[in-house]
Structure formats: C-alpha cells, structure tokens
N, C-alpha and C. Protein backbone atom coordinates (compact mmCIF):
# COMPACT_ATOMS: atom_id res chain seq x y z
N UNK A 1 12.36 18.89 -29.66
CA UNK A 1 11.94 17.58 -29.23
C UNK A 1 11.49 17.64 -27.76
N UNK A 2 10.34 17.08 -27.48
CA UNK A 2 9.77 17.13 -26.15
C UNK A 2 10.41 16.08 -25.25
N UNK A 3 10.82 16.49 -24.04
CA UNK A 3 11.39 15.57 -23.07
C UNK A 3 10.25 14.97 -22.27
N UNK A 4 10.00 13.69 -22.47
CA UNK A 4 8.87 13.03 -21.82
C UNK A 4 9.36 12.01 -20.79
N UNK A 5 10.46 12.31 -20.11
CA UNK A 5 11.02 11.41 -19.12
C UNK A 5 10.62 11.87 -17.72
N UNK A 6 9.77 11.10 -17.04
CA UNK A 6 9.36 11.51 -15.69
C UNK A 6 10.49 11.32 -14.69
N UNK A 7 10.48 12.12 -13.64
CA UNK A 7 11.45 11.92 -12.57
C UNK A 7 11.09 10.65 -11.82
N UNK A 8 12.02 10.16 -11.03
CA UNK A 8 11.77 8.94 -10.26
C UNK A 8 10.61 9.16 -9.29
N UNK A 9 10.52 10.34 -8.70
CA UNK A 9 9.44 10.62 -7.75
C UNK A 9 8.08 10.64 -8.43
N UNK A 10 8.01 11.24 -9.61
CA UNK A 10 6.72 11.28 -10.31
C UNK A 10 6.35 9.90 -10.83
N UNK A 11 7.35 9.10 -11.20
CA UNK A 11 7.08 7.73 -11.63
C UNK A 11 6.55 6.90 -10.47
N UNK A 12 7.13 7.08 -9.28
CA UNK A 12 6.63 6.39 -8.09
C UNK A 12 5.18 6.79 -7.80
N UNK A 13 4.90 8.07 -7.92
CA UNK A 13 3.54 8.54 -7.66
C UNK A 13 2.56 7.93 -8.66
N UNK A 14 2.97 7.84 -9.93
CA UNK A 14 2.12 7.24 -10.95
C UNK A 14 1.87 5.76 -10.65
N UNK A 15 2.92 5.03 -10.28
CA UNK A 15 2.76 3.61 -9.95
C UNK A 15 1.84 3.43 -8.76
N UNK A 16 2.03 4.24 -7.71
CA UNK A 16 1.18 4.15 -6.52
C UNK A 16 -0.28 4.41 -6.88
N UNK A 17 -0.50 5.41 -7.75
CA UNK A 17 -1.86 5.75 -8.15
C UNK A 17 -2.51 4.60 -8.92
N UNK A 18 -1.78 4.02 -9.87
CA UNK A 18 -2.31 2.90 -10.65
C UNK A 18 -2.64 1.72 -9.75
N UNK A 19 -1.77 1.42 -8.80
CA UNK A 19 -1.99 0.29 -7.90
C UNK A 19 -3.21 0.55 -7.01
N UNK A 20 -3.27 1.74 -6.41
CA UNK A 20 -4.36 2.03 -5.48
C UNK A 20 -5.73 2.14 -6.16
N UNK A 21 -5.73 2.60 -7.42
CA UNK A 21 -7.00 2.76 -8.14
C UNK A 21 -7.40 1.51 -8.92
N UNK A 22 -6.57 0.48 -8.89
CA UNK A 22 -6.89 -0.74 -9.62
C UNK A 22 -6.74 -0.59 -11.12
N UNK A 23 -5.87 0.30 -11.54
CA UNK A 23 -5.67 0.57 -12.97
C UNK A 23 -4.63 -0.39 -13.54
N UNK A 24 -5.01 -1.68 -13.62
CA UNK A 24 -4.14 -2.70 -14.19
C UNK A 24 -5.01 -3.78 -14.81
N UNK A 25 -4.40 -4.58 -15.67
CA UNK A 25 -5.16 -5.57 -16.45
C UNK A 25 -5.56 -6.80 -15.65
N UNK A 26 -4.63 -7.33 -14.88
CA UNK A 26 -4.88 -8.55 -14.11
C UNK A 26 -3.89 -8.60 -12.95
N UNK A 27 -3.95 -9.68 -12.19
CA UNK A 27 -3.09 -9.78 -11.00
C UNK A 27 -1.61 -9.82 -11.36
N UNK A 28 -1.27 -10.39 -12.50
CA UNK A 28 0.13 -10.43 -12.93
C UNK A 28 0.62 -9.01 -13.22
N UNK A 29 -0.19 -8.22 -13.88
CA UNK A 29 0.17 -6.84 -14.17
C UNK A 29 0.33 -6.05 -12.87
N UNK A 30 -0.54 -6.29 -11.90
CA UNK A 30 -0.45 -5.62 -10.60
C UNK A 30 0.87 -5.96 -9.92
N UNK A 31 1.26 -7.22 -9.97
CA UNK A 31 2.51 -7.64 -9.35
C UNK A 31 3.70 -6.97 -10.04
N UNK A 32 3.64 -6.84 -11.37
CA UNK A 32 4.71 -6.16 -12.10
C UNK A 32 4.82 -4.70 -11.68
N UNK A 33 3.68 -4.03 -11.54
CA UNK A 33 3.69 -2.63 -11.09
C UNK A 33 4.27 -2.51 -9.69
N UNK A 34 3.87 -3.43 -8.82
CA UNK A 34 4.37 -3.40 -7.44
C UNK A 34 5.88 -3.68 -7.39
N UNK A 35 6.34 -4.58 -8.24
CA UNK A 35 7.77 -4.89 -8.29
C UNK A 35 8.55 -3.69 -8.80
N UNK A 36 8.05 -3.05 -9.84
CA UNK A 36 8.71 -1.85 -10.37
C UNK A 36 8.79 -0.78 -9.29
N UNK A 37 7.69 -0.58 -8.57
CA UNK A 37 7.67 0.41 -7.49
C UNK A 37 8.72 0.09 -6.43
N UNK A 38 8.79 -1.17 -6.03
CA UNK A 38 9.74 -1.57 -4.99
C UNK A 38 11.19 -1.41 -5.45
N UNK A 39 11.46 -1.73 -6.71
CA UNK A 39 12.82 -1.59 -7.24
C UNK A 39 13.22 -0.12 -7.28
N UNK A 40 12.33 0.74 -7.73
CA UNK A 40 12.63 2.18 -7.79
C UNK A 40 12.89 2.72 -6.39
N UNK A 41 12.07 2.32 -5.42
CA UNK A 41 12.28 2.77 -4.04
C UNK A 41 13.65 2.31 -3.53
N UNK A 42 14.02 1.07 -3.81
CA UNK A 42 15.30 0.54 -3.34
C UNK A 42 16.45 1.29 -3.98
N UNK A 43 16.36 1.59 -5.27
CA UNK A 43 17.41 2.34 -5.97
C UNK A 43 17.55 3.73 -5.36
N UNK A 44 16.42 4.38 -5.09
CA UNK A 44 16.48 5.73 -4.52
C UNK A 44 17.08 5.71 -3.11
N UNK A 45 16.80 4.69 -2.34
CA UNK A 45 17.35 4.59 -0.99
C UNK A 45 18.87 4.40 -1.02
N UNK A 46 19.38 3.63 -1.97
CA UNK A 46 20.81 3.39 -2.03
C UNK A 46 21.56 4.60 -2.56
N UNK A 47 20.89 5.46 -3.33
CA UNK A 47 21.52 6.67 -3.86
C UNK A 47 21.74 7.71 -2.77
N UNK A 48 20.87 7.72 -1.77
CA UNK A 48 20.96 8.74 -0.73
C UNK A 48 22.04 8.38 0.19
C-alpha cells in the first residue's frame, strides 16, 4: 500500500504554491487555503 501522506513542510509548500499561483476556484477557496496554511504554521510553532 502506497503511503500518500505529505509531511507538514511539503503540505505548507503546496499551499503556498497554490495561493501564489492563483490555483483556487474563488475567493472563498483562497481564504480556506490561507486559513489551512496559517493553522499548520501555528501548530508547527507550538510543537517546537
């Protein structure tokens, strides 16, 4: 079985890429991506 779980760092990179390249459906989708990015960053900061 293939493990298709990205690390938190690669997920952040993917979110940043999608946001910067405009790879989203509408402004609501962009806000969701930005919120996910911010939550992941906050979780990573509290773990350190």
